[in-house]
């Protein structure tokens, strides 16, 4: 199953991403499922675990904790869970990470919501 695929995930309810539709790029190498797929956001997203420029994700299951038993559907669910519960301790977006680490939840949520409305909600 080597090659590139795309997926669309919905932002989780009760989060600044709610109502957004986020495009993902998924690349499976020839070693898949024994090697984790490469997953990145195509949609701009403000999140501490997403590189703002490249869309690259920092999530354990795609790095050190990968299991060949996990499906691409499971990977998409993990990305949704990451949107719901960001990890400010391993940021790829330092601005988002700093807001959370400094206790500015309102500032983080405002920025995340603004980018969701701008880039992930159709008909804006």
PDB file of N, CA and C in Angstrom:
ATOM      1  N   UNK A   1       0.820  -1.183   0.000  1.00  0.00           N
ATOM      2  CA  UNK A   1       0.000   0.000   0.000  1.00  0.00           C
ATOM      3  C   UNK A   1       0.869   1.254   0.000  1.00  0.00           C
ATOM      4  N   UNK A   2       1.974   1.234  -0.679  1.00  0.00           N
ATOM      5  CA  UNK A   2       2.848   2.401  -0.741  1.00  0.00           C
ATOM      6  C   UNK A   2       2.184   3.499  -1.558  1.00  0.00           C
ATOM      7  N   UNK A   3       2.455   4.744  -1.180  1.00  0.00           N
ATOM      8  CA  UNK A   3       1.940   5.868  -1.938  1.00  0.00           C
ATOM      9  C   UNK A   3       1.278   6.899  -1.047  1.00  0.00           C
ATOM     10  N   UNK A   4       0.784   7.954  -1.701  1.00  0.00           N
ATOM     11  CA  UNK A   4       0.158   9.046  -0.976  1.00  0.00           C
ATOM     12  C   UNK A   4      -1.351   8.967  -1.012  1.00  0.00           C
ATOM     13  N   UNK A   5      -1.953   9.342   0.082  1.00  0.00           N
ATOM     14  CA  UNK A   5      -3.399   9.388   0.194  1.00  0.00           C
ATOM     15  C   UNK A   5      -3.779  10.669   0.908  1.00  0.00           C
ATOM     16  N   UNK A   6      -5.055  10.982   0.841  1.00  0.00           N
ATOM     17  CA  UNK A   6      -5.560  12.139   1.563  1.00  0.00           C
ATOM     18  C   UNK A   6      -6.723  11.707   2.430  1.00  0.00           C
ATOM     19  N   UNK A   7      -6.916  12.420   3.505  1.00  0.00           N
ATOM     20  CA  UNK A   7      -8.047  12.181   4.395  1.00  0.00           C
ATOM     21  C   UNK A   7      -8.563  13.532   4.860  1.00  0.00           C
ATOM     22  N   UNK A   8      -9.812  13.555   5.243  1.00  0.00           N
ATOM     23  CA  UNK A   8     -10.417  14.749   5.823  1.00  0.00           C
ATOM     24  C   UNK A   8     -10.929  14.367   7.201  1.00  0.00           C
ATOM     25  N   UNK A   9     -10.543  15.153   8.194  1.00  0.00           N
ATOM     26  CA  UNK A   9     -11.050  14.923   9.546  1.00  0.00           C
ATOM     27  C   UNK A   9     -11.839  16.148   9.982  1.00  0.00           C
ATOM     28  N   UNK A  10     -12.802  15.916  10.842  1.00  0.00           N
ATOM     29  CA  UNK A  10     -13.586  17.006  11.416  1.00  0.00           C
ATOM     30  C   UNK A  10     -12.977  17.400  12.750  1.00  0.00           C
ATOM     31  N   UNK A  11     -12.940  18.699  13.001  1.00  0.00           N
ATOM     32  CA  UNK A  11     -12.439  19.166  14.285  1.00  0.00           C
ATOM     33  C   UNK A  11     -13.308  18.646  15.414  1.00  0.00           C
ATOM     34  N   UNK A  12     -12.700  18.266  16.530  1.00  0.00           N
ATOM     35  CA  UNK A  12     -13.472  17.704  17.637  1.00  0.00           C
ATOM     36  C   UNK A  12     -14.404  18.736  18.277  1.00  0.00           C
ATOM     37  N   UNK A  13     -15.552  18.245  18.741  1.00  0.00           N
ATOM     38  CA  UNK A  13     -16.502  19.108  19.441  1.00  0.00           C
ATOM     39  C   UNK A  13     -15.868  19.666  20.703  1.00  0.00           C
ATOM     40  N   UNK A  14     -16.387  20.803  21.118  1.00  0.00           N
ATOM     41  CA  UNK A  14     -15.929  21.467  22.343  1.00  0.00           C
ATOM     42  C   UNK A  14     -14.435  21.763  22.315  1.00  0.00           C
ATOM     43  N   UNK A  15     -13.943  22.100  21.136  1.00  0.00           N
ATOM     44  CA  UNK A  15     -12.552  22.512  20.974  1.00  0.00           C
ATOM     45  C   UNK A  15     -12.543  23.714  20.035  1.00  0.00           C
ATOM     46  N   UNK A  16     -11.442  24.452  19.966  1.00  0.00           N
ATOM     47  CA  UNK A  16     -11.388  25.579  19.033  1.00  0.00           C
ATOM     48  C   UNK A  16     -11.431  25.142  17.568  1.00  0.00           C
ATOM     49  N   UNK A  17     -11.310  23.842  17.324  1.00  0.00           N
ATOM     50  CA  UNK A  17     -11.302  23.303  15.960  1.00  0.00           C
ATOM     51  C   UNK A  17     -12.683  22.818  15.523  1.00  0.00           C
ATOM     52  N   UNK A  18     -13.669  22.912  16.423  1.00  0.00           N
ATOM     53  CA  UNK A  18     -15.022  22.437  16.126  1.00  0.00           C
ATOM     54  C   UNK A  18     -15.580  23.139  14.893  1.00  0.00           C
ATOM     55  N   UNK A  19     -16.207  22.366  14.016  1.00  0.00           N
ATOM     56  CA  UNK A  19     -16.785  22.906  12.794  1.00  0.00           C
ATOM     57  C   UNK A  19     -15.810  22.959  11.631  1.00  0.00           C
ATOM     58  N   UNK A  20     -14.536  22.733  11.909  1.00  0.00           N
ATOM     59  CA  UNK A  20     -13.530  22.758  10.850  1.00  0.00           C
ATOM     60  C   UNK A  20     -13.381  21.407  10.178  1.00  0.00           C
ATOM     61  N   UNK A  21     -13.023  21.463   8.905  1.00  0.00           N
ATOM     62  CA  UNK A  21     -12.694  20.252   8.141  1.00  0.00           C
ATOM     63  C   UNK A  21     -11.234  20.392   7.735  1.00  0.00           C
ATOM     64  N   UNK A  22     -10.427  19.451   8.198  1.00  0.00           N
ATOM     65  CA  UNK A  22      -8.982  19.547   8.038  1.00  0.00           C
ATOM     66  C   UNK A  22      -8.485  18.463   7.087  1.00  0.00           C
ATOM     67  N   UNK A  23      -7.773  18.890   6.058  1.00  0.00           N
ATOM     68  CA  UNK A  23      -7.218  17.957   5.075  1.00  0.00           C
ATOM     69  C   UNK A  23      -5.869  17.448   5.558  1.00  0.00           C
ATOM     70  N   UNK A  24      -5.700  16.135   5.482  1.00  0.00           N
ATOM     71  CA  UNK A  24      -4.441  15.487   5.838  1.00  0.00           C
ATOM     72  C   UNK A  24      -3.817  14.864   4.606  1.00  0.00           C
ATOM     73  N   UNK A  25      -2.506  14.864   4.563  1.00  0.00           N
ATOM     74  CA  UNK A  25      -1.746  14.134   3.556  1.00  0.00           C
ATOM     75  C   UNK A  25      -1.107  12.949   4.269  1.00  0.00           C
ATOM     76  N   UNK A  26      -1.325  11.762   3.732  1.00  0.00           N
ATOM     77  CA  UNK A  26      -0.803  10.540   4.345  1.00  0.00           C
ATOM     78  C   UNK A  26       0.058   9.822   3.316  1.00  0.00           C
ATOM     79  N   UNK A  27       1.311   9.588   3.664  1.00  0.00           N
ATOM     80  CA  UNK A  27       2.230   8.879   2.772  1.00  0.00           C
ATOM     81  C   UNK A  27       2.632   7.574   3.441  1.00  0.00           C
ATOM     82  N   UNK A  28       2.328   6.490   2.768  1.00  0.00           N
ATOM     83  CA  UNK A  28       2.716   5.159   3.246  1.00  0.00           C
ATOM     84  C   UNK A  28       3.894   4.686   2.405  1.00  0.00           C
ATOM     85  N   UNK A  29       4.985   4.354   3.061  1.00  0.00           N
ATOM     86  CA  UNK A  29       6.151   3.848   2.345  1.00  0.00           C
ATOM     87  C   UNK A  29       5.943   2.379   2.005  1.00  0.00           C
ATOM     88  N   UNK A  30       6.876   1.816   1.285  1.00  0.00           N
ATOM     89  CA  UNK A  30       6.800   0.395   0.929  1.00  0.00           C
ATOM     90  C   UNK A  30       6.840  -0.488   2.172  1.00  0.00           C
ATOM     91  N   UNK A  31       7.359   0.026   3.285  1.00  0.00           N
ATOM     92  CA  UNK A  31       7.440  -0.746   4.531  1.00  0.00           C
ATOM     93  C   UNK A  31       6.162  -0.715   5.361  1.00  0.00           C
ATOM     94  N   UNK A  32       5.164   0.065   4.941  1.00  0.00           N
ATOM     95  CA  UNK A  32       3.897   0.110   5.672  1.00  0.00           C
ATOM     96  C   UNK A  32       3.223  -1.254   5.569  1.00  0.00           C
ATOM     97  N   UNK A  33       2.688  -1.819   6.607  1.00  0.00           N
ATOM     98  CA  UNK A  33       2.377  -1.240   7.909  1.00  0.00           C
ATOM     99  C   UNK A  33       3.469  -1.413   8.962  1.00  0.00           C
ATOM    100  N   UNK A  34       4.628  -1.916   8.567  1.00  0.00           N
ATOM    101  CA  UNK A  34       5.695  -2.117   9.556  1.00  0.00           C
ATOM    102  C   UNK A  34       6.401  -0.820   9.916  1.00  0.00           C
ATOM    103  N   UNK A  35       6.269   0.166   9.071  1.00  0.00           N
ATOM    104  CA  UNK A  35       6.768   1.512   9.354  1.00  0.00           C
ATOM    105  C   UNK A  35       5.572   2.460   9.363  1.00  0.00           C
ATOM    106  N   UNK A  36       5.608   3.423  10.250  1.00  0.00           N
ATOM    107  CA  UNK A  36       4.499   4.377  10.375  1.00  0.00           C
ATOM    108  C   UNK A  36       4.356   5.204   9.101  1.00  0.00           C
ATOM    109  N   UNK A  37       3.127   5.580   8.762  1.00  0.00           N
ATOM    110  CA  UNK A  37       2.944   6.502   7.643  1.00  0.00           C
ATOM    111  C   UNK A  37       3.421   7.898   8.042  1.00  0.00           C
ATOM    112  N   UNK A  38       3.697   8.705   7.044  1.00  0.00           N
ATOM    113  CA  UNK A  38       4.013  10.114   7.284  1.00  0.00           C
ATOM    114  C   UNK A  38       2.704  10.877   7.125  1.00  0.00           C
ATOM    115  N   UNK A  39       2.332  11.612   8.145  1.00  0.00           N
ATOM    116  CA  UNK A  39       1.056  12.326   8.136  1.00  0.00           C
ATOM    117  C   UNK A  39       1.323  13.802   8.381  1.00  0.00           C
ATOM    118  N   UNK A  40       0.690  14.645   7.576  1.00  0.00           N
ATOM    119  CA  UNK A  40       0.812  16.087   7.778  1.00  0.00           C
ATOM    120  C   UNK A  40      -0.515  16.750   7.436  1.00  0.00           C
ATOM    121  N   UNK A  41      -0.722  17.911   8.022  1.00  0.00           N
ATOM    122  CA  UNK A  41      -1.900  18.711   7.708  1.00  0.00           C
ATOM    123  C   UNK A  41      -1.652  19.470   6.411  1.00  0.00           C
ATOM    124  N   UNK A  42      -2.621  19.449   5.516  1.00  0.00           N
ATOM    125  CA  UNK A  42      -2.601  20.324   4.347  1.00  0.00           C
ATOM    126  C   UNK A  42      -3.288  21.647   4.686  1.00  0.00           C
ATOM    127  N   UNK A  43      -4.224  21.586   5.616  1.00  0.00           N
ATOM    128  CA  UNK A  43      -4.941  22.765   6.092  1.00  0.00           C
ATOM    129  C   UNK A  43      -4.101  23.446   7.171  1.00  0.00           C
ATOM    130  N   UNK A  44      -3.997  24.765   7.103  1.00  0.00           N
ATOM    131  CA  UNK A  44      -3.288  25.512   8.150  1.00  0.00           C
ATOM    132  C   UNK A  44      -4.005  25.306   9.479  1.00  0.00           C
ATOM    133  N   UNK A  45      -3.225  25.007  10.515  1.00  0.00           N
ATOM    134  CA  UNK A  45      -3.797  24.789  11.838  1.00  0.00           C
ATOM    135  C   UNK A  45      -2.840  25.349  12.889  1.00  0.00           C
ATOM    136  N   UNK A  46      -3.399  26.027  13.876  1.00  0.00           N
ATOM    137  CA  UNK A  46      -2.610  26.579  14.980  1.00  0.00           C
ATOM    138  C   UNK A  46      -2.696  25.595  16.133  1.00  0.00           C
ATOM    139  N   UNK A  47      -1.612  24.881  16.372  1.00  0.00           N
ATOM    140  CA  UNK A  47      -1.591  23.811  17.374  1.00  0.00           C
ATOM    141  C   UNK A  47      -0.139  23.580  17.768  1.00  0.00           C
ATOM    142  N   UNK A  48       0.141  23.340  19.057  1.00  0.00           N
ATOM    143  CA  UNK A  48       1.539  23.185  19.459  1.00  0.00           C
ATOM    144  C   UNK A  48       2.246  21.985  18.836  1.00  0.00           C
ATOM    145  N   UNK A  49       1.502  20.957  18.453  1.00  0.00           N
ATOM    146  CA  UNK A  49       2.122  19.740  17.931  1.00  0.00           C
ATOM    147  C   UNK A  49       2.065  19.641  16.417  1.00  0.00           C
ATOM    148  N   UNK A  50       1.827  20.786  15.762  1.00  0.00           N
ATOM    149  CA  UNK A  50       1.780  20.844  14.300  1.00  0.00           C
ATOM    150  C   UNK A  50       2.686  21.977  13.837  1.00  0.00           C
ATOM    151  N   UNK A  51       3.645  21.644  12.967  1.00  0.00           N
ATOM    152  CA  UNK A  51       4.525  22.659  12.401  1.00  0.00           C
ATOM    153  C   UNK A  51       3.684  23.585  11.532  1.00  0.00           C
ATOM    154  N   UNK A  52       3.716  24.875  11.852  1.00  0.00           N
ATOM    155  CA  UNK A  52       2.847  25.824  11.160  1.00  0.00           C
ATOM    156  C   UNK A  52       3.164  25.922   9.672  1.00  0.00           C
ATOM    157  N   UNK A  53       4.421  25.816   9.300  1.00  0.00           N
ATOM    158  CA  UNK A  53       4.824  25.961   7.894  1.00  0.00           C
ATOM    159  C   UNK A  53       4.586  24.706   7.074  1.00  0.00           C
ATOM    160  N   UNK A  54       4.927  23.545   7.641  1.00  0.00           N
ATOM    161  CA  UNK A  54       4.894  22.300   6.861  1.00  0.00           C
ATOM    162  C   UNK A  54       3.687  21.415   7.145  1.00  0.00           C
ATOM    163  N   UNK A  55       3.014  21.639   8.270  1.00  0.00           N
ATOM    164  CA  UNK A  55       1.900  20.773   8.654  1.00  0.00           C
ATOM    165  C   UNK A  55       2.334  19.474   9.310  1.00  0.00           C
ATOM    166  N   UNK A  56       3.652  19.289   9.488  1.00  0.00           N
ATOM    167  CA  UNK A  56       4.171  18.071  10.119  1.00  0.00           C
ATOM    168  C   UNK A  56       3.598  17.925  11.522  1.00  0.00           C
ATOM    169  N   UNK A  57       3.320  16.677  11.900  1.00  0.00           N
ATOM    170  CA  UNK A  57       2.748  16.366  13.214  1.00  0.00           C
ATOM    171  C   UNK A  57       3.791  15.791  14.152  1.00  0.00           C
ATOM    172  N   UNK A  58       3.666  16.113  15.418  1.00  0.00           N
ATOM    173  CA  UNK A  58       4.469  15.468  16.453  1.00  0.00           C
ATOM    174  C   UNK A  58       3.500  14.689  17.331  1.00  0.00           C
ATOM    175  N   UNK A  59       3.411  13.393  17.064  1.00  0.00           N
ATOM    176  CA  UNK A  59       2.530  12.522  17.841  1.00  0.00           C
ATOM    177  C   UNK A  59       3.243  11.182  18.002  1.00  0.00           C
ATOM    178  N   UNK A  60       3.248  10.672  19.223  1.00  0.00           N
ATOM    179  CA  UNK A  60       4.035   9.480  19.550  1.00  0.00           C
ATOM    180  C   UNK A  60       3.754   8.282  18.653  1.00  0.00           C
ATOM    181  N   UNK A  61       2.486   8.079  18.292  1.00  0.00           N
ATOM    182  CA  UNK A  61       2.190   6.858  17.520  1.00  0.00           C
ATOM    183  C   UNK A  61       2.812   6.879  16.130  1.00  0.00           C
ATOM    184  N   UNK A  62       3.177   8.058  15.647  1.00  0.00           N
ATOM    185  CA  UNK A  62       3.824   8.135  14.332  1.00  0.00           C
ATOM    186  C   UNK A  62       5.340   8.165  14.453  1.00  0.00           C
ATOM    187  N   UNK A  63       5.827   8.182  15.663  1.00  0.00           N
ATOM    188  CA  UNK A  63       7.275   8.222  15.882  1.00  0.00           C
ATOM    189  C   UNK A  63       7.708   6.943  16.590  1.00  0.00           C
ATOM    190  N   UNK A  64       7.793   6.998  17.898  1.00  0.00           N
ATOM    191  CA  UNK A  64       8.370   5.896  18.678  1.00  0.00           C
ATOM    192  C   UNK A  64       7.385   4.792  19.034  1.00  0.00           C
ATOM    193  N   UNK A  65       6.094   5.075  19.032  1.00  0.00           N
ATOM    194  CA  UNK A  65       5.113   4.105  19.521  1.00  0.00           C
ATOM    195  C   UNK A  65       4.313   3.419  18.418  1.00  0.00           C
ATOM    196  N   UNK A  66       4.795   3.424  17.199  1.00  0.00           N
ATOM    197  CA  UNK A  66       4.048   2.842  16.083  1.00  0.00           C
ATOM    198  C   UNK A  66       3.875   1.334  16.241  1.00  0.00           C
ATOM    199  N   UNK A  67       2.704   0.842  15.840  1.00  0.00           N
ATOM    200  CA  UNK A  67       2.427  -0.594  15.809  1.00  0.00           C
ATOM    201  C   UNK A  67       1.843  -0.955  14.451  1.00  0.00           C
ATOM    202  N   UNK A  68       2.306  -2.036  13.817  1.00  0.00           N
ATOM    203  CA  UNK A  68       1.748  -2.460  12.530  1.00  0.00           C
ATOM    204  C   UNK A  68       0.266  -2.828  12.620  1.00  0.00           C
ATOM    205  N   UNK A  69      -0.244  -3.013  13.830  1.00  0.00           N
ATOM    206  CA  UNK A  69      -1.659  -3.360  13.997  1.00  0.00           C
ATOM    207  C   UNK A  69      -2.574  -2.156  13.763  1.00  0.00           C
ATOM    208  N   UNK A  70      -2.017  -0.953  13.769  1.00  0.00           N
ATOM    209  CA  UNK A  70      -2.842   0.241  13.646  1.00  0.00           C
ATOM    210  C   UNK A  70      -3.148   0.556  12.194  1.00  0.00           C
ATOM    211  N   UNK A  71      -4.399   0.908  11.957  1.00  0.00           N
ATOM    212  CA  UNK A  71      -4.878   1.229  10.617  1.00  0.00           C
ATOM    213  C   UNK A  71      -4.781   2.733  10.375  1.00  0.00           C
ATOM    214  N   UNK A  72      -4.988   3.139   9.130  1.00  0.00           N
ATOM    215  CA  UNK A  72      -5.008   4.568   8.825  1.00  0.00           C
ATOM    216  C   UNK A  72      -6.194   5.242   9.510  1.00  0.00           C
ATOM    217  N   UNK A  73      -7.288   4.515   9.677  1.00  0.00           N
ATOM    218  CA  UNK A  73      -8.431   5.064  10.408  1.00  0.00           C
ATOM    219  C   UNK A  73      -8.030   5.359  11.859  1.00  0.00           C
ATOM    220  N   UNK A  74      -7.276   4.455  12.461  1.00  0.00           N
ATOM    221  CA  UNK A  74      -6.791   4.668  13.826  1.00  0.00           C
ATOM    222  C   UNK A  74      -5.888   5.906  13.872  1.00  0.00           C
ATOM    223  N   UNK A  75      -5.044   6.065  12.869  1.00  0.00           N
ATOM    224  CA  UNK A  75      -4.151   7.229  12.807  1.00  0.00           C
ATOM    225  C   UNK A  75      -4.977   8.514  12.760  1.00  0.00           C
ATOM    226  N   UNK A  76      -6.021   8.536  11.941  1.00  0.00           N
ATOM    227  CA  UNK A  76      -6.880   9.727  11.857  1.00  0.00           C
ATOM    228  C   UNK A  76      -7.551  10.015  13.196  1.00  0.00           C
ATOM    229  N   UNK A  77      -7.982   8.978  13.879  1.00  0.00           N
ATOM    230  CA  UNK A  77      -8.583   9.173  15.208  1.00  0.00           C
ATOM    231  C   UNK A  77      -7.558   9.729  16.195  1.00  0.00           C
ATOM    232  N   UNK A  78      -6.315   9.290  16.081  1.00  0.00           N
ATOM    233  CA  UNK A  78      -5.258   9.805  16.954  1.00  0.00           C
ATOM    234  C   UNK A  78      -5.000  11.288  16.677  1.00  0.00           C
ATOM    235  N   UNK A  79      -5.086  11.689  15.420  1.00  0.00           N
ATOM    236  CA  UNK A  79      -4.901  13.099  15.072  1.00  0.00           C
ATOM    237  C   UNK A  79      -6.041  13.931  15.664  1.00  0.00           C
ATOM    238  N   UNK A  80      -7.264  13.425  15.587  1.00  0.00           N
ATOM    239  CA  UNK A  80      -8.405  14.123  16.189  1.00  0.00           C
ATOM    240  C   UNK A  80      -8.199  14.251  17.699  1.00  0.00           C
ATOM    241  N   UNK A  81      -7.738  13.181  18.331  1.00  0.00           N
ATOM    242  CA  UNK A  81      -7.473  13.224  19.777  1.00  0.00           C
ATOM    243  C   UNK A  81      -6.389  14.249  20.101  1.00  0.00           C
ATOM    244  N   UNK A  82      -5.391  14.366  19.235  1.00  0.00           N
ATOM    245  CA  UNK A  82      -4.330  15.350  19.441  1.00  0.00           C
ATOM    246  C   UNK A  82      -4.889  16.772  19.357  1.00  0.00           C
ATOM    247  N   UNK A  83      -5.822  16.998  18.429  1.00  0.00           N
ATOM    248  CA  UNK A  83      -6.454  18.315  18.353  1.00  0.00           C
ATOM    249  C   UNK A  83      -7.200  18.621  19.650  1.00  0.00           C
ATOM    250  N   UNK A  84      -7.849  17.619  20.196  1.00  0.00           N
ATOM    251  CA  UNK A  84      -8.626  17.801  21.424  1.00  0.00           C
ATOM    252  C   UNK A  84      -7.717  18.035  22.636  1.00  0.00           C
ATOM    253  N   UNK A  85      -6.589  17.329  22.670  1.00  0.00           N
ATOM    254  CA  UNK A  85      -5.696  17.371  23.835  1.00  0.00           C
ATOM    255  C   UNK A  85      -4.259  17.656  23.414  1.00  0.00           C
ATOM    256  N   UNK A  86      -3.926  18.928  23.172  1.00  0.00           N
ATOM    257  CA  UNK A  86      -2.564  19.259  22.745  1.00  0.00           C
ATOM    258  C   UNK A  86      -1.539  18.977  23.837  1.00  0.00           C
ATOM    259  N   UNK A  87      -0.308  18.704  23.399  1.00  0.00           N
ATOM    260  CA  UNK A  87       0.803  18.459  24.318  1.00  0.00           C
ATOM    261  C   UNK A  87       1.806  19.602  24.162  1.00  0.00           C
ATOM    262  N   UNK A  88       1.794  20.516  25.111  1.00  0.00           N
ATOM    263  CA  UNK A  88       2.668  21.692  25.030  1.00  0.00           C
ATOM    264  C   UNK A  88       4.118  21.368  25.348  1.00  0.00           C
ATOM    265  N   UNK A  89       4.392  20.155  25.810  1.00  0.00           N
ATOM    266  CA  UNK A  89       5.762  19.790  26.184  1.00  0.00           C
ATOM    267  C   UNK A  89       6.636  19.394  25.002  1.00  0.00           C
ATOM    268  N   UNK A  90       6.035  19.102  23.849  1.00  0.00           N
ATOM    269  CA  UNK A  90       6.847  18.761  22.668  1.00  0.00           C
ATOM    270  C   UNK A  90       6.337  19.546  21.461  1.00  0.00           C
ATOM    271  N   UNK A  91       6.489  20.879  21.516  1.00  0.00           N
ATOM    272  CA  UNK A  91       5.894  21.696  20.461  1.00  0.00           C
ATOM    273  C   UNK A  91       6.706  21.730  19.165  1.00  0.00           C
ATOM    274  N   UNK A  92       5.993  21.704  18.068  1.00  0.00           N
ATOM    275  CA  UNK A  92       6.566  22.039  16.761  1.00  0.00           C
ATOM    276  C   UNK A  92       6.203  23.486  16.419  1.00  0.00           C
ATOM    277  N   UNK A  93       5.169  24.000  17.067  1.00  0.00           N
ATOM    278  CA  UNK A  93       4.774  25.396  16.940  1.00  0.00           C
ATOM    279  C   UNK A  93       5.014  26.027  18.312  1.00  0.00           C
ATOM    280  N   UNK A  94       6.139  26.704  18.443  1.00  0.00           N
ATOM    281  CA  UNK A  94       6.535  27.260  19.747  1.00  0.00           C
ATOM    282  C   UNK A  94       5.571  28.330  20.238  1.00  0.00           C
ATOM    283  N   UNK A  95       4.986  29.108  19.326  1.00  0.00           N
ATOM    284  CA  UNK A  95       4.036  30.140  19.750  1.00  0.00           C
ATOM    285  C   UNK A  95       2.835  29.504  20.448  1.00  0.00           C
ATOM    286  N   UNK A  96       2.279  28.464  19.843  1.00  0.00           N
ATOM    287  CA  UNK A  96       1.137  27.770  20.450  1.00  0.00           C
ATOM    288  C   UNK A  96       1.559  27.089  21.747  1.00  0.00           C
ATOM    289  N   UNK A  97       2.712  26.450  21.733  1.00  0.00           N
ATOM    290  CA  UNK A  97       3.201  25.775  22.925  1.00  0.00           C
ATOM    291  C   UNK A  97       3.436  26.735  24.075  1.00  0.00           C
ATOM    292  N   UNK A  98       4.014  27.902  23.780  1.00  0.00           N
ATOM    293  CA  UNK A  98       4.282  28.885  24.832  1.00  0.00           C
ATOM    294  C   UNK A  98       2.997  29.421  25.449  1.00  0.00           C
ATOM    295  N   UNK A  99       1.980  29.648  24.629  1.00  0.00           N
ATOM    296  CA  UNK A  99       0.704  30.111  25.183  1.00  0.00           C
ATOM    297  C   UNK A  99       0.174  29.110  26.206  1.00  0.00           C
ATOM    298  N   UNK A 100       0.200  27.839  25.851  1.00  0.00           N
ATOM    299  CA  UNK A 100      -0.311  26.816  26.773  1.00  0.00           C
ATOM    300  C   UNK A 100       0.583  26.654  27.998  1.00  0.00           C
ATOM    301  N   UNK A 101       1.884  26.623  27.788  1.00  0.00           N
ATOM    302  CA  UNK A 101       2.807  26.448  28.924  1.00  0.00           C
ATOM    303  C   UNK A 101       2.739  27.613  29.907  1.00  0.00           C
ATOM    304  N   UNK A 102       2.437  28.799  29.391  1.00  0.00           N
ATOM    305  CA  UNK A 102       2.348  29.981  30.252  1.00  0.00           C
ATOM    306  C   UNK A 102       0.947  30.176  30.826  1.00  0.00           C
ATOM    307  N   UNK A 103       0.063  29.212  30.594  1.00  0.00           N
ATOM    308  CA  UNK A 103      -1.276  29.271  31.178  1.00  0.00           C
ATOM    309  C   UNK A 103      -2.258  30.164  30.462  1.00  0.00           C
ATOM    310  N   UNK A 104      -1.929  30.593  29.240  1.00  0.00           N
ATOM    311  CA  UNK A 104      -2.830  31.474  28.492  1.00  0.00           C
ATOM    312  C   UNK A 104      -3.748  30.638  27.596  1.00  0.00           C
ATOM    313  N   UNK A 105      -4.642  29.891  28.223  1.00  0.00           N
ATOM    314  CA  UNK A 105      -5.559  29.029  27.481  1.00  0.00           C
ATOM    315  C   UNK A 105      -6.475  29.845  26.578  1.00  0.00           C
ATOM    316  N   UNK A 106      -6.945  30.987  27.070  1.00  0.00           N
ATOM    317  CA  UNK A 106      -7.831  31.835  26.263  1.00  0.00           C
ATOM    318  C   UNK A 106      -7.113  32.335  25.003  1.00  0.00           C
ATOM    319  N   UNK A 107      -5.856  32.747  25.150  1.00  0.00           N
ATOM    320  CA  UNK A 107      -5.089  33.206  23.994  1.00  0.00           C
ATOM    321  C   UNK A 107      -4.876  32.094  22.982  1.00  0.00           C
ATOM    322  N   UNK A 108      -4.515  30.899  23.478  1.00  0.00           N
ATOM    323  CA  UNK A 108      -4.335  29.755  22.585  1.00  0.00           C
ATOM    324  C   UNK A 108      -5.630  29.428  21.856  1.00  0.00           C
ATOM    325  N   UNK A 109      -6.729  29.343  22.596  1.00  0.00           N
ATOM    326  CA  UNK A 109      -8.006  28.982  21.979  1.00  0.00           C
ATOM    327  C   UNK A 109      -8.455  30.029  20.965  1.00  0.00           C
ATOM    328  N   UNK A 110      -8.207  31.301  21.256  1.00  0.00           N
ATOM    329  CA  UNK A 110      -8.571  32.369  20.313  1.00  0.00           C
ATOM    330  C   UNK A 110      -7.792  32.248  19.010  1.00  0.00           C
ATOM    331  N   UNK A 111      -6.490  32.009  19.117  1.00  0.00           N
ATOM    332  CA  UNK A 111      -5.670  31.854  17.910  1.00  0.00           C
ATOM    333  C   UNK A 111      -6.081  30.605  17.128  1.00  0.00           C
ATOM    334  N   UNK A 112      -6.271  29.495  17.834  1.00  0.00           N
ATOM    335  CA  UNK A 112      -6.659  28.250  17.167  1.00  0.00           C
ATOM    336  C   UNK A 112      -8.005  28.422  16.478  1.00  0.00           C
ATOM    337  N   UNK A 113      -8.938  29.095  17.127  1.00  0.00           N
ATOM    338  CA  UNK A 113     -10.261  29.304  16.540  1.00  0.00           C
ATOM    339  C   UNK A 113     -10.165  30.206  15.316  1.00  0.00           C
ATOM    340  N   UNK A 114      -9.362  31.264  15.415  1.00  0.00           N
ATOM    341  CA  UNK A 114      -9.214  32.180  14.286  1.00  0.00           C
ATOM    342  C   UNK A 114      -8.696  31.435  13.050  1.00  0.00           C
ATOM    343  N   UNK A 115      -7.680  30.589  13.231  1.00  0.00           N
ATOM    344  CA  UNK A 115      -7.147  29.841  12.092  1.00  0.00           C
ATOM    345  C   UNK A 115      -8.138  28.803  11.589  1.00  0.00           C
ATOM    346  N   UNK A 116      -8.921  28.229  12.487  1.00  0.00           N
ATOM    347  CA  UNK A 116      -9.947  27.275  12.063  1.00  0.00           C
ATOM    348  C   UNK A 116     -10.977  27.975  11.187  1.00  0.00           C
ATOM    349  N   UNK A 117     -11.456  29.124  11.635  1.00  0.00           N
ATOM    350  CA  UNK A 117     -12.455  29.868  10.865  1.00  0.00           C
ATOM    351  C   UNK A 117     -11.871  30.307   9.527  1.00  0.00           C
ATOM    352  N   UNK A 118     -10.624  30.771   9.536  1.00  0.00           N
ATOM    353  CA  UNK A 118      -9.990  31.266   8.313  1.00  0.00           C
ATOM    354  C   UNK A 118      -9.681  30.175   7.296  1.00  0.00           C
ATOM    355  N   UNK A 119      -9.273  29.005   7.766  1.00  0.00           N
ATOM    356  CA  UNK A 119      -8.730  28.002   6.854  1.00  0.00           C
ATOM    357  C   UNK A 119      -9.507  26.689   6.780  1.00  0.00           C
ATOM    358  N   UNK A 120     -10.380  26.413   7.747  1.00  0.00           N
ATOM    359  CA  UNK A 120     -10.980  25.075   7.796  1.00  0.00           C
ATOM    360  C   UNK A 120     -12.505  25.060   7.763  1.00  0.00           C
ATOM    361  N   UNK A 121     -13.126  26.228   7.743  1.00  0.00           N
ATOM    362  CA  UNK A 121     -14.588  26.258   7.694  1.00  0.00           C
ATOM    363  C   UNK A 121     -15.006  26.781   6.331  1.00  0.00           C
ATOM    364  N   UNK A 122     -15.785  25.949   5.619  1.00  0.00           N
ATOM    365  CA  UNK A 122     -16.230  26.315   4.272  1.00  0.00           C
ATOM    366  C   UNK A 122     -17.257  27.439   4.346  1.00  0.00           C
ATOM    367  N   UNK A 123     -17.285  28.249   3.294  1.00  0.00           N
ATOM    368  CA  UNK A 123     -18.273  29.303   3.196  1.00  0.00           C
ATOM    369  C   UNK A 123     -17.971  30.516   4.054  1.00  0.00           C
ATOM    370  N   UNK A 124     -16.724  30.690   4.399  1.00  0.00           N
ATOM    371  CA  UNK A 124     -16.357  31.835   5.235  1.00  0.00           C
ATOM    372  C   UNK A 124     -16.346  33.108   4.439  1.00  0.00           C
TER     373      UNK A 124
END
